[in-house]
Amino acid sequence: MSETIRVVLCDDHAVLRRGIRDTLSDAPDVEVTGEAGSYPELREVLRTAACDVLLLDLNLPGRSGLEVLASLKETHPAIKVLIVSMYPEDQYALRCIRAGAQGYANKAGDPLLLIDAVHTLMQGRKYLTPEVAQLLADSLAQPVAELPHEQLSERELQTLVKIASGRRLSDIAEELMLSPKTVSVYRARVLEKLKLSNNAELTVYAIRNQLV
């Protein structure tokens, strides 16, 4: 009998965690040993729960997924991380892989693929969807200059996408658990880096570059 793969889920939506847990339960060699809805909760869970693979959402309250990923590399280097995100592959997948994640899966994809992903990571390989593999191949084959938004930090890119999606700064601040003043600073940085003047131009830029 093969060894049990111990999985921890970190996503701030309890319903999504339950759906993923139910999906993974179809695999006889996979056991969900813990769940968390935020980074502080994840730290507590990892103190007691055995974890081979962490399924991590990017959009956590208070601390971004990439920040959590960087912390995990320091505190739990043996844990393999699969990013499971609502964001399309072309926005974040390469950032996550380069930051140390072993795989990237879109929440809109087939849930059963998560079982394949967990097995792939435990075999010591990276889990790449065909879309992510193509993005990675293109980035290696054609090291072209970055688009302006690719130079944004993760928080800046999140702010850009949320503004372009019609969110108010107060709404964005609440979603990211930041102060409105901090979100305003991110907005100002985005405008400066993209050489834009207002939210309307941000929205047009995001649409043209298929960010929303």
N, C-alpha and C. Protein backbone atom coordinates (compact mmCIF):
# COMPACT_ATOMS: atom_id res chain seq x y z
N MET A 1 0.85 -1.20 0.00
CA MET A 1 0.00 0.00 0.00
C MET A 1 0.88 1.25 0.00
N SER A 2 0.55 2.20 -0.83
CA SER A 2 1.34 3.41 -0.92
C SER A 2 1.14 4.27 0.33
N GLU A 3 2.14 5.12 0.61
CA GLU A 3 2.05 5.99 1.78
C GLU A 3 0.98 7.04 1.56
N THR A 4 0.37 7.46 2.67
CA THR A 4 -0.65 8.50 2.60
C THR A 4 0.00 9.86 2.38
N ILE A 5 -0.56 10.61 1.45
CA ILE A 5 -0.10 11.97 1.18
C ILE A 5 -0.91 12.91 2.06
N ARG A 6 -0.23 13.65 2.91
CA ARG A 6 -0.90 14.53 3.87
C ARG A 6 -0.99 15.94 3.30
N VAL A 7 -2.22 16.44 3.19
CA VAL A 7 -2.49 17.71 2.52
C VAL A 7 -3.13 18.70 3.50
N VAL A 8 -2.68 19.94 3.44
CA VAL A 8 -3.30 21.04 4.18
C VAL A 8 -3.88 22.03 3.18
N LEU A 9 -5.08 22.54 3.46
CA LEU A 9 -5.75 23.49 2.59
C LEU A 9 -5.72 24.88 3.22
N CYS A 10 -5.38 25.89 2.44
CA CYS A 10 -5.40 27.27 2.94
C CYS A 10 -6.14 28.14 1.94
N ASP A 11 -7.38 28.48 2.28
CA ASP A 11 -8.24 29.31 1.44
C ASP A 11 -9.23 29.99 2.36
N ASP A 12 -9.50 31.27 2.13
CA ASP A 12 -10.38 31.98 3.06
C ASP A 12 -11.86 31.71 2.82
N HIS A 13 -12.20 30.91 1.81
CA HIS A 13 -13.59 30.54 1.56
C HIS A 13 -13.84 29.11 2.03
N ALA A 14 -14.62 28.98 3.11
CA ALA A 14 -14.86 27.66 3.69
C ALA A 14 -15.56 26.72 2.72
N VAL A 15 -16.46 27.26 1.89
CA VAL A 15 -17.19 26.41 0.94
C VAL A 15 -16.23 25.82 -0.09
N LEU A 16 -15.29 26.63 -0.56
CA LEU A 16 -14.31 26.14 -1.53
C LEU A 16 -13.40 25.09 -0.89
N ARG A 17 -13.02 25.33 0.36
CA ARG A 17 -12.19 24.34 1.05
C ARG A 17 -12.93 23.01 1.15
N ARG A 18 -14.20 23.08 1.47
CA ARG A 18 -14.97 21.84 1.59
C ARG A 18 -15.06 21.11 0.25
N GLY A 19 -15.24 21.89 -0.84
CA GLY A 19 -15.29 21.27 -2.16
C GLY A 19 -13.99 20.59 -2.52
N ILE A 20 -12.88 21.24 -2.21
CA ILE A 20 -11.57 20.64 -2.50
C ILE A 20 -11.36 19.41 -1.63
N ARG A 21 -11.74 19.52 -0.35
CA ARG A 21 -11.58 18.37 0.55
C ARG A 21 -12.38 17.17 0.06
N ASP A 22 -13.61 17.44 -0.38
CA ASP A 22 -14.45 16.35 -0.89
C ASP A 22 -13.85 15.71 -2.14
N THR A 23 -13.28 16.57 -3.01
CA THR A 23 -12.63 16.05 -4.22
C THR A 23 -11.45 15.16 -3.87
N LEU A 24 -10.60 15.64 -2.96
CA LEU A 24 -9.40 14.87 -2.59
C LEU A 24 -9.76 13.58 -1.87
N SER A 25 -10.93 13.54 -1.25
CA SER A 25 -11.33 12.32 -0.54
C SER A 25 -11.56 11.15 -1.49
N ASP A 26 -11.69 11.45 -2.80
CA ASP A 26 -11.85 10.38 -3.79
C ASP A 26 -10.55 9.61 -4.00
N ALA A 27 -9.43 10.19 -3.57
CA ALA A 27 -8.14 9.52 -3.71
C ALA A 27 -7.83 8.77 -2.41
N PRO A 28 -7.72 7.45 -2.44
CA PRO A 28 -7.52 6.67 -1.21
C PRO A 28 -6.20 6.94 -0.51
N ASP A 29 -5.23 7.51 -1.24
CA ASP A 29 -3.92 7.74 -0.63
C ASP A 29 -3.70 9.20 -0.24
N VAL A 30 -4.77 10.01 -0.25
CA VAL A 30 -4.66 11.42 0.11
C VAL A 30 -5.51 11.69 1.35
N GLU A 31 -4.93 12.37 2.33
CA GLU A 31 -5.65 12.72 3.55
C GLU A 31 -5.48 14.21 3.83
N VAL A 32 -6.59 14.93 4.02
CA VAL A 32 -6.52 16.34 4.41
C VAL A 32 -6.34 16.39 5.92
N THR A 33 -5.18 16.87 6.35
CA THR A 33 -4.83 16.87 7.77
C THR A 33 -5.09 18.19 8.47
N GLY A 34 -5.41 19.24 7.69
CA GLY A 34 -5.67 20.53 8.32
C GLY A 34 -6.19 21.54 7.31
N GLU A 35 -6.86 22.56 7.84
CA GLU A 35 -7.41 23.63 7.00
C GLU A 35 -7.18 24.97 7.67
N ALA A 36 -7.00 26.01 6.86
CA ALA A 36 -6.81 27.36 7.38
C ALA A 36 -7.46 28.36 6.44
N GLY A 37 -7.91 29.48 7.01
CA GLY A 37 -8.52 30.52 6.21
C GLY A 37 -7.69 31.77 6.10
N SER A 38 -6.51 31.77 6.73
CA SER A 38 -5.63 32.94 6.71
C SER A 38 -4.22 32.47 7.05
N TYR A 39 -3.25 33.38 6.89
CA TYR A 39 -1.87 33.02 7.19
C TYR A 39 -1.67 32.73 8.68
N PRO A 40 -2.22 33.55 9.60
CA PRO A 40 -2.06 33.20 11.02
C PRO A 40 -2.65 31.83 11.35
N GLU A 41 -3.80 31.50 10.77
CA GLU A 41 -4.39 30.19 10.99
C GLU A 41 -3.48 29.09 10.41
N LEU A 42 -2.90 29.35 9.25
CA LEU A 42 -2.02 28.37 8.62
C LEU A 42 -0.81 28.08 9.50
N ARG A 43 -0.23 29.11 10.07
CA ARG A 43 0.92 28.91 10.95
C ARG A 43 0.56 28.01 12.13
N GLU A 44 -0.63 28.24 12.70
CA GLU A 44 -1.08 27.42 13.82
C GLU A 44 -1.28 25.96 13.38
N VAL A 45 -1.92 25.79 12.21
CA VAL A 45 -2.19 24.43 11.72
C VAL A 45 -0.89 23.67 11.49
N LEU A 46 0.10 24.35 10.89
CA LEU A 46 1.35 23.67 10.55
C LEU A 46 2.20 23.34 11.79
N ARG A 47 1.83 23.89 12.94
CA ARG A 47 2.53 23.53 14.17
C ARG A 47 2.19 22.12 14.62
N THR A 48 1.00 21.67 14.24
CA THR A 48 0.55 20.37 14.74
C THR A 48 0.21 19.36 13.64
N ALA A 49 -0.19 19.86 12.46
CA ALA A 49 -0.64 18.96 11.39
C ALA A 49 0.53 18.57 10.49
N ALA A 50 0.64 17.29 10.21
CA ALA A 50 1.64 16.83 9.25
C ALA A 50 1.22 17.28 7.86
N CYS A 51 2.18 17.75 7.06
CA CYS A 51 1.85 18.29 5.74
C CYS A 51 2.93 17.95 4.73
N ASP A 52 2.54 17.24 3.68
CA ASP A 52 3.44 17.00 2.55
C ASP A 52 3.20 18.03 1.45
N VAL A 53 1.90 18.33 1.21
CA VAL A 53 1.52 19.24 0.14
C VAL A 53 0.54 20.28 0.71
N LEU A 54 0.81 21.53 0.41
CA LEU A 54 -0.08 22.63 0.80
C LEU A 54 -0.78 23.17 -0.43
N LEU A 55 -2.11 23.19 -0.40
CA LEU A 55 -2.89 23.84 -1.45
C LEU A 55 -3.20 25.25 -0.98
N LEU A 56 -2.60 26.25 -1.63
CA LEU A 56 -2.60 27.62 -1.15
C LEU A 56 -3.30 28.56 -2.11
N ASP A 57 -4.26 29.32 -1.58
CA ASP A 57 -4.92 30.36 -2.36
C ASP A 57 -4.02 31.59 -2.40
N LEU A 58 -4.05 32.33 -3.51
CA LEU A 58 -3.25 33.54 -3.61
C LEU A 58 -3.85 34.72 -2.87
N ASN A 59 -5.18 34.79 -2.87
CA ASN A 59 -5.87 35.99 -2.40
C ASN A 59 -6.31 35.84 -0.95
N LEU A 60 -5.33 35.78 -0.04
CA LEU A 60 -5.63 35.62 1.37
C LEU A 60 -5.83 36.99 2.04
N PRO A 61 -6.67 37.06 3.07
CA PRO A 61 -6.85 38.34 3.77
C PRO A 61 -5.60 38.72 4.53
N GLY A 62 -5.20 39.97 4.39
CA GLY A 62 -4.09 40.49 5.17
C GLY A 62 -2.71 40.24 4.61
N ARG A 63 -2.51 39.12 3.96
CA ARG A 63 -1.17 38.79 3.45
C ARG A 63 -1.32 38.04 2.14
N SER A 64 -0.59 38.46 1.13
CA SER A 64 -0.75 37.85 -0.18
C SER A 64 -0.14 36.46 -0.22
N GLY A 65 -0.63 35.67 -1.18
CA GLY A 65 -0.14 34.32 -1.33
C GLY A 65 1.35 34.25 -1.61
N LEU A 66 1.87 35.17 -2.39
CA LEU A 66 3.30 35.16 -2.69
C LEU A 66 4.13 35.48 -1.45
N GLU A 67 3.60 36.34 -0.59
CA GLU A 67 4.29 36.62 0.68
C GLU A 67 4.30 35.38 1.56
N VAL A 68 3.17 34.68 1.60
CA VAL A 68 3.09 33.44 2.37
C VAL A 68 4.06 32.41 1.81
N LEU A 69 4.12 32.33 0.48
CA LEU A 69 5.03 31.39 -0.18
C LEU A 69 6.47 31.65 0.22
N ALA A 70 6.85 32.93 0.24
CA ALA A 70 8.22 33.29 0.63
C ALA A 70 8.50 32.89 2.08
N SER A 71 7.53 33.09 2.96
CA SER A 71 7.70 32.72 4.37
C SER A 71 7.83 31.21 4.53
N LEU A 72 7.02 30.47 3.78
CA LEU A 72 7.05 29.01 3.88
C LEU A 72 8.41 28.44 3.45
N LYS A 73 9.03 29.08 2.46
CA LYS A 73 10.34 28.60 2.01
C LYS A 73 11.36 28.68 3.14
N GLU A 74 11.16 29.64 4.05
CA GLU A 74 12.06 29.79 5.18
C GLU A 74 11.70 28.84 6.32
N THR A 75 10.39 28.72 6.60
CA THR A 75 9.96 27.99 7.80
C THR A 75 9.66 26.51 7.54
N HIS A 76 9.18 26.18 6.35
CA HIS A 76 8.80 24.79 6.04
C HIS A 76 9.27 24.43 4.62
N PRO A 77 10.57 24.39 4.41
CA PRO A 77 11.10 24.19 3.05
C PRO A 77 10.74 22.84 2.44
N ALA A 78 10.38 21.86 3.26
CA ALA A 78 10.09 20.53 2.73
C ALA A 78 8.67 20.42 2.17
N ILE A 79 7.81 21.37 2.54
CA ILE A 79 6.42 21.30 2.07
C ILE A 79 6.34 21.72 0.60
N LYS A 80 5.66 20.93 -0.19
CA LYS A 80 5.44 21.25 -1.59
C LYS A 80 4.16 22.07 -1.71
N VAL A 81 4.22 23.17 -2.47
CA VAL A 81 3.09 24.11 -2.53
C VAL A 81 2.46 24.11 -3.91
N LEU A 82 1.15 23.87 -3.92
CA LEU A 82 0.36 24.00 -5.14
C LEU A 82 -0.52 25.23 -4.97
N ILE A 83 -0.33 26.23 -5.81
CA ILE A 83 -1.18 27.41 -5.79
C ILE A 83 -2.50 27.07 -6.49
N VAL A 84 -3.61 27.32 -5.81
CA VAL A 84 -4.94 27.11 -6.38
C VAL A 84 -5.64 28.46 -6.35
N SER A 85 -5.80 29.07 -7.52
CA SER A 85 -6.20 30.47 -7.57
C SER A 85 -7.33 30.72 -8.55
N MET A 86 -8.06 31.80 -8.31
CA MET A 86 -9.10 32.25 -9.23
C MET A 86 -8.50 33.04 -10.39
N TYR A 87 -7.25 33.47 -10.23
CA TYR A 87 -6.63 34.30 -11.25
C TYR A 87 -6.19 33.45 -12.44
N PRO A 88 -6.39 33.94 -13.67
CA PRO A 88 -5.96 33.20 -14.87
C PRO A 88 -4.46 32.95 -14.85
N GLU A 89 -4.07 31.88 -15.51
CA GLU A 89 -2.66 31.49 -15.52
C GLU A 89 -1.74 32.59 -16.02
N ASP A 90 -2.20 33.34 -17.03
CA ASP A 90 -1.29 34.32 -17.62
C ASP A 90 -1.04 35.52 -16.72
N GLN A 91 -1.78 35.63 -15.62
CA GLN A 91 -1.54 36.74 -14.69
C GLN A 91 -0.51 36.38 -13.62
N TYR A 92 -0.62 35.17 -13.06
CA TYR A 92 0.17 34.87 -11.87
C TYR A 92 0.99 33.59 -11.91
N ALA A 93 0.70 32.68 -12.82
CA ALA A 93 1.32 31.36 -12.75
C ALA A 93 2.85 31.43 -12.76
N LEU A 94 3.41 32.17 -13.70
CA LEU A 94 4.87 32.22 -13.78
C LEU A 94 5.48 32.88 -12.55
N ARG A 95 4.80 33.90 -12.03
CA ARG A 95 5.28 34.54 -10.81
C ARG A 95 5.37 33.52 -9.68
N CYS A 96 4.34 32.70 -9.57
CA CYS A 96 4.29 31.72 -8.48
C CYS A 96 5.36 30.65 -8.64
N ILE A 97 5.52 30.15 -9.85
CA ILE A 97 6.54 29.12 -10.10
C ILE A 97 7.93 29.68 -9.81
N ARG A 98 8.17 30.89 -10.26
CA ARG A 98 9.48 31.51 -10.02
C ARG A 98 9.70 31.82 -8.56
N ALA A 99 8.61 32.01 -7.81
CA ALA A 99 8.72 32.31 -6.39
C ALA A 99 8.88 31.06 -5.54
N GLY A 100 8.80 29.89 -6.18
CA GLY A 100 9.06 28.67 -5.45
C GLY A 100 7.93 27.68 -5.35
N ALA A 101 6.75 28.01 -5.91
CA ALA A 101 5.65 27.04 -5.90
C ALA A 101 5.98 25.89 -6.83
N GLN A 102 5.48 24.71 -6.50
CA GLN A 102 5.73 23.54 -7.34
C GLN A 102 4.63 23.35 -8.40
N GLY A 103 3.57 24.13 -8.31
CA GLY A 103 2.50 23.99 -9.30
C GLY A 103 1.48 25.10 -9.17
N TYR A 104 0.64 25.21 -10.20
CA TYR A 104 -0.39 26.26 -10.24
C TYR A 104 -1.63 25.67 -10.91
N ALA A 105 -2.77 25.78 -10.23
CA ALA A 105 -4.03 25.30 -10.78
C ALA A 105 -5.09 26.38 -10.65
N ASN A 106 -5.94 26.48 -11.65
CA ASN A 106 -7.02 27.46 -11.64
C ASN A 106 -8.26 26.86 -11.00
N LYS A 107 -8.90 27.61 -10.12
CA LYS A 107 -10.10 27.11 -9.44
C LYS A 107 -11.23 26.79 -10.41
N ALA A 108 -11.18 27.41 -11.59
CA ALA A 108 -12.24 27.17 -12.57
C ALA A 108 -12.02 25.87 -13.34
N GLY A 109 -10.89 25.23 -13.13
CA GLY A 109 -10.59 24.00 -13.87
C GLY A 109 -11.29 22.79 -13.28
N ASP A 110 -11.04 21.64 -13.84
CA ASP A 110 -11.62 20.38 -13.39
C ASP A 110 -11.09 20.06 -12.00
N PRO A 111 -11.96 19.95 -10.98
CA PRO A 111 -11.49 19.67 -9.61
C PRO A 111 -10.68 18.39 -9.50
N LEU A 112 -11.03 17.39 -10.31
CA LEU A 112 -10.32 16.11 -10.22
C LEU A 112 -8.84 16.23 -10.59
N LEU A 113 -8.50 17.30 -11.34
CA LEU A 113 -7.10 17.50 -11.69
C LEU A 113 -6.25 17.80 -10.46
N LEU A 114 -6.90 18.24 -9.38
CA LEU A 114 -6.15 18.51 -8.15
C LEU A 114 -5.53 17.23 -7.60
N ILE A 115 -6.21 16.11 -7.79
CA ILE A 115 -5.64 14.83 -7.35
C ILE A 115 -4.38 14.52 -8.15
N ASP A 116 -4.46 14.72 -9.47
CA ASP A 116 -3.28 14.52 -10.31
C ASP A 116 -2.14 15.45 -9.87
N ALA A 117 -2.51 16.69 -9.55
CA ALA A 117 -1.50 17.67 -9.15
C ALA A 117 -0.79 17.24 -7.88
N VAL A 118 -1.55 16.79 -6.89
CA VAL A 118 -0.96 16.36 -5.63
C VAL A 118 -0.01 15.18 -5.86
N HIS A 119 -0.43 14.21 -6.67
CA HIS A 119 0.43 13.06 -6.97
C HIS A 119 1.70 13.50 -7.71
N THR A 120 1.54 14.44 -8.65
CA THR A 120 2.69 14.93 -9.42
C THR A 120 3.72 15.58 -8.50
N LEU A 121 3.26 16.41 -7.58
CA LEU A 121 4.17 17.07 -6.66
C LEU A 121 4.89 16.07 -5.77
N MET A 122 4.18 15.03 -5.33
CA MET A 122 4.81 14.03 -4.46
C MET A 122 5.83 13.18 -5.21
N GLN A 123 5.75 13.16 -6.54
CA GLN A 123 6.74 12.46 -7.35
C GLN A 123 7.97 13.32 -7.61
N GLY A 124 7.98 14.52 -7.03
CA GLY A 124 9.12 15.41 -7.18
C GLY A 124 9.11 16.23 -8.45
N ARG A 125 7.96 16.25 -9.13
CA ARG A 125 7.85 17.03 -10.37
C ARG A 125 6.93 18.22 -10.16
N LYS A 126 7.07 19.21 -11.02
CA LYS A 126 6.18 20.37 -10.98
C LYS A 126 4.88 20.06 -11.71
N TYR A 127 3.79 20.62 -11.21
CA TYR A 127 2.51 20.44 -11.88
C TYR A 127 2.22 21.68 -12.72
N LEU A 128 2.23 21.50 -14.03
CA LEU A 128 1.98 22.60 -14.96
C LEU A 128 0.83 22.21 -15.88
N THR A 129 -0.20 23.04 -15.92
CA THR A 129 -1.25 22.82 -16.91
C THR A 129 -0.66 23.11 -18.29
N PRO A 130 -1.30 22.65 -19.36
CA PRO A 130 -0.79 22.97 -20.70
C PRO A 130 -0.62 24.47 -20.92
N GLU A 131 -1.53 25.27 -20.34
CA GLU A 131 -1.44 26.73 -20.50
C GLU A 131 -0.19 27.28 -19.82
N VAL A 132 0.07 26.81 -18.60
CA VAL A 132 1.25 27.29 -17.87
C VAL A 132 2.52 26.79 -18.53
N ALA A 133 2.52 25.55 -18.99
CA ALA A 133 3.71 25.02 -19.68
C ALA A 133 4.03 25.85 -20.92
N GLN A 134 2.99 26.26 -21.65
CA GLN A 134 3.20 27.07 -22.84
C GLN A 134 3.75 28.45 -22.47
N LEU A 135 3.20 29.04 -21.40
CA LEU A 135 3.70 30.34 -20.94
C LEU A 135 5.17 30.24 -20.55
N LEU A 136 5.52 29.17 -19.86
CA LEU A 136 6.90 28.98 -19.43
C LEU A 136 7.82 28.78 -20.63
N ALA A 137 7.36 27.99 -21.60
CA ALA A 137 8.16 27.77 -22.80
C ALA A 137 8.36 29.06 -23.57
N ASP A 138 7.29 29.84 -23.68
CA ASP A 138 7.39 31.12 -24.40
C ASP A 138 8.35 32.08 -23.71
N SER A 139 8.30 32.09 -22.38
CA SER A 139 9.17 33.01 -21.64
C SER A 139 10.64 32.63 -21.78
N LEU A 140 10.91 31.32 -21.95
CA LEU A 140 12.29 30.88 -22.12
C LEU A 140 12.77 31.07 -23.55
N ALA A 141 11.85 30.85 -24.49
CA ALA A 141 12.24 30.92 -25.89
C ALA A 141 12.35 32.36 -26.39
N GLN A 142 11.52 33.22 -25.82
CA GLN A 142 11.49 34.61 -26.29
C GLN A 142 11.57 35.55 -25.09
N PRO A 143 12.78 35.77 -24.59
CA PRO A 143 12.92 36.67 -23.45
C PRO A 143 12.74 38.14 -23.85
N VAL A 144 11.50 38.47 -24.18
CA VAL A 144 11.20 39.83 -24.63
C VAL A 144 11.06 40.74 -23.42
N ALA A 145 11.05 42.03 -23.69
CA ALA A 145 10.89 43.01 -22.63
C ALA A 145 9.54 42.82 -21.94
N GLU A 146 9.53 43.03 -20.62
CA GLU A 146 8.30 42.87 -19.86
C GLU A 146 7.28 43.94 -20.25
N LEU A 147 6.02 43.56 -20.20
CA LEU A 147 4.96 44.54 -20.31
C LEU A 147 4.95 45.38 -19.04
N PRO A 148 4.47 46.61 -19.13
CA PRO A 148 4.51 47.49 -17.94
C PRO A 148 3.90 46.86 -16.69
N HIS A 149 2.75 46.18 -16.83
CA HIS A 149 2.10 45.63 -15.63
C HIS A 149 2.86 44.45 -15.04
N GLU A 150 3.77 43.84 -15.81
CA GLU A 150 4.55 42.72 -15.28
C GLU A 150 5.63 43.19 -14.31
N GLN A 151 5.84 44.51 -14.26
CA GLN A 151 6.80 45.07 -13.32
C GLN A 151 6.14 45.46 -11.99
N LEU A 152 4.82 45.30 -11.90
CA LEU A 152 4.11 45.64 -10.68
C LEU A 152 4.33 44.55 -9.62
N SER A 153 4.28 44.96 -8.36
CA SER A 153 4.29 43.99 -7.28
C SER A 153 2.94 43.26 -7.28
N GLU A 154 2.85 42.19 -6.49
CA GLU A 154 1.59 41.45 -6.47
C GLU A 154 0.45 42.31 -5.96
N ARG A 155 0.69 43.08 -4.88
CA ARG A 155 -0.36 43.95 -4.34
C ARG A 155 -0.77 45.02 -5.35
N GLU A 156 0.22 45.56 -6.06
CA GLU A 156 -0.11 46.57 -7.07
C GLU A 156 -0.95 45.98 -8.19
N LEU A 157 -0.60 44.76 -8.62
CA LEU A 157 -1.37 44.11 -9.67
C LEU A 157 -2.78 43.79 -9.18
N GLN A 158 -2.91 43.33 -7.94
CA GLN A 158 -4.23 43.08 -7.38
C GLN A 158 -5.06 44.35 -7.36
N THR A 159 -4.44 45.46 -6.97
CA THR A 159 -5.15 46.74 -6.92
C THR A 159 -5.61 47.15 -8.31
N LEU A 160 -4.73 47.00 -9.29
CA LEU A 160 -5.09 47.32 -10.67
C LEU A 160 -6.29 46.51 -11.14
N VAL A 161 -6.23 45.20 -10.92
CA VAL A 161 -7.31 44.32 -11.38
C VAL A 161 -8.63 44.65 -10.68
N LYS A 162 -8.58 44.91 -9.40
CA LYS A 162 -9.80 45.20 -8.65
C LYS A 162 -10.40 46.55 -9.04
N ILE A 163 -9.56 47.55 -9.26
CA ILE A 163 -10.07 48.86 -9.72
C ILE A 163 -10.71 48.71 -11.08
N ALA A 164 -10.03 47.98 -11.97
CA ALA A 164 -10.56 47.78 -13.32
C ALA A 164 -11.85 46.96 -13.31
N SER A 165 -12.05 46.20 -12.25
CA SER A 165 -13.27 45.40 -12.12
C SER A 165 -14.41 46.18 -11.48
N GLY A 166 -14.15 47.46 -11.18
CA GLY A 166 -15.21 48.32 -10.65
C GLY A 166 -15.25 48.45 -9.15
N ARG A 167 -14.25 47.89 -8.45
CA ARG A 167 -14.25 47.99 -7.00
C ARG A 167 -13.85 49.40 -6.55
N ARG A 168 -14.47 49.86 -5.48
CA ARG A 168 -14.05 51.12 -4.85
C ARG A 168 -12.84 50.85 -3.96
N LEU A 169 -12.07 51.92 -3.68
CA LEU A 169 -10.88 51.75 -2.86
C LEU A 169 -11.25 51.21 -1.48
N SER A 170 -12.37 51.66 -0.94
CA SER A 170 -12.79 51.17 0.38
C SER A 170 -13.11 49.67 0.33
N ASP A 171 -13.70 49.22 -0.79
CA ASP A 171 -14.00 47.80 -0.94
C ASP A 171 -12.70 46.99 -1.04
N ILE A 172 -11.75 47.52 -1.82
CA ILE A 172 -10.47 46.83 -1.99
C ILE A 172 -9.74 46.73 -0.66
N ALA A 173 -9.78 47.83 0.10
CA ALA A 173 -9.12 47.84 1.40
C ALA A 173 -9.71 46.76 2.31
N GLU A 174 -11.03 46.62 2.28
CA GLU A 174 -11.69 45.62 3.13
C GLU A 174 -11.34 44.20 2.68
N GLU A 175 -11.33 43.97 1.36
CA GLU A 175 -11.03 42.63 0.84
C GLU A 175 -9.61 42.20 1.16
N LEU A 176 -8.67 43.15 1.06
CA LEU A 176 -7.26 42.82 1.29
C LEU A 176 -6.82 43.04 2.73
N MET A 177 -7.76 43.50 3.57
CA MET A 177 -7.48 43.79 4.98
C MET A 177 -6.33 44.79 5.11
N LEU A 178 -6.45 45.85 4.33
CA LEU A 178 -5.49 46.95 4.36
C LEU A 178 -6.25 48.24 4.66
N SER A 179 -5.54 49.28 5.00
CA SER A 179 -6.19 50.57 5.22
C SER A 179 -6.46 51.23 3.87
N PRO A 180 -7.53 52.04 3.77
CA PRO A 180 -7.78 52.76 2.51
C PRO A 180 -6.57 53.60 2.07
N LYS A 181 -5.84 54.14 3.04
CA LYS A 181 -4.67 54.95 2.71
C LYS A 181 -3.61 54.09 2.01
N THR A 182 -3.41 52.86 2.50
CA THR A 182 -2.43 51.97 1.88
C THR A 182 -2.85 51.62 0.45
N VAL A 183 -4.13 51.35 0.25
CA VAL A 183 -4.62 51.03 -1.09
C VAL A 183 -4.44 52.24 -2.02
N SER A 184 -4.65 53.43 -1.48
CA SER A 184 -4.45 54.64 -2.29
C SER A 184 -2.99 54.77 -2.72
N VAL A 185 -2.08 54.36 -1.84
CA VAL A 185 -0.65 54.39 -2.18
C VAL A 185 -0.37 53.40 -3.31
N TYR A 186 -0.95 52.20 -3.22
CA TYR A 186 -0.77 51.22 -4.29
C TYR A 186 -1.32 51.76 -5.61
N ARG A 187 -2.49 52.38 -5.55
CA ARG A 187 -3.09 52.94 -6.76
C ARG A 187 -2.17 53.99 -7.38
N ALA A 188 -1.60 54.85 -6.54
CA ALA A 188 -0.70 55.90 -7.04
C ALA A 188 0.54 55.28 -7.70
N ARG A 189 1.06 54.21 -7.09
CA ARG A 189 2.23 53.55 -7.67
C ARG A 189 1.90 52.93 -9.03
N VAL A 190 0.71 52.33 -9.11
CA VAL A 190 0.28 51.71 -10.38
C VAL A 190 0.18 52.78 -11.46
N LEU A 191 -0.47 53.88 -11.14
CA LEU A 191 -0.62 54.97 -12.12
C LEU A 191 0.75 55.46 -12.58
N GLU A 192 1.67 55.60 -11.64
CA GLU A 192 3.01 56.10 -11.99
C GLU A 192 3.76 55.10 -12.87
N LYS A 193 3.74 53.83 -12.47
CA LYS A 193 4.51 52.82 -13.21
C LYS A 193 3.93 52.58 -14.61
N LEU A 194 2.61 52.70 -14.74
CA LEU A 194 1.98 52.47 -16.04
C LEU A 194 1.84 53.76 -16.85
N LYS A 195 2.25 54.88 -16.23
CA LYS A 195 2.16 56.20 -16.88
C LYS A 195 0.72 56.51 -17.30
N LEU A 196 -0.18 56.32 -16.34
CA LEU A 196 -1.60 56.59 -16.56
C LEU A 196 -2.06 57.68 -15.60
N SER A 197 -3.26 58.21 -15.84
CA SER A 197 -3.71 59.37 -15.08
C SER A 197 -4.87 59.11 -14.13
N ASN A 198 -5.74 58.15 -14.45
CA ASN A 198 -6.95 57.97 -13.64
C ASN A 198 -7.47 56.54 -13.76
N ASN A 199 -8.56 56.29 -13.04
CA ASN A 199 -9.13 54.93 -13.02
C ASN A 199 -9.66 54.50 -14.38
N ALA A 200 -10.18 55.44 -15.13
CA ALA A 200 -10.70 55.09 -16.45
C ALA A 200 -9.58 54.56 -17.34
N GLU A 201 -8.43 55.21 -17.30
CA GLU A 201 -7.30 54.75 -18.10
C GLU A 201 -6.78 53.40 -17.58
N LEU A 202 -6.83 53.21 -16.25
CA LEU A 202 -6.45 51.92 -15.68
C LEU A 202 -7.34 50.81 -16.22
N THR A 203 -8.63 51.09 -16.28
CA THR A 203 -9.59 50.09 -16.76
C THR A 203 -9.34 49.75 -18.22
N VAL A 204 -9.11 50.76 -19.03
CA VAL A 204 -8.82 50.52 -20.45
C VAL A 204 -7.55 49.69 -20.60
N TYR A 205 -6.52 50.02 -19.81
CA TYR A 205 -5.27 49.27 -19.88
C TYR A 205 -5.50 47.81 -19.51
N ALA A 206 -6.27 47.59 -18.45
CA ALA A 206 -6.51 46.22 -17.97
C ALA A 206 -7.27 45.41 -19.03
N ILE A 207 -8.24 46.03 -19.67
CA ILE A 207 -9.01 45.33 -20.69
C ILE A 207 -8.14 45.02 -21.89
N ARG A 208 -7.34 45.97 -22.33
CA ARG A 208 -6.47 45.76 -23.50
C ARG A 208 -5.47 44.64 -23.26
N ASN A 209 -5.03 44.50 -22.01
CA ASN A 209 -4.03 43.49 -21.69
C ASN A 209 -4.65 42.23 -21.09
N GLN A 210 -5.98 42.12 -21.21
CA GLN A 210 -6.73 40.92 -20.81
C GLN A 210 -6.49 40.57 -19.34
N LEU A 211 -6.45 41.59 -18.50
CA LEU A 211 -6.30 41.38 -17.06
C LEU A 211 -7.65 41.24 -16.36
N VAL A 212 -8.71 41.67 -17.02
CA VAL A 212 -10.07 41.53 -16.50
C VAL A 212 -10.96 41.01 -17.61
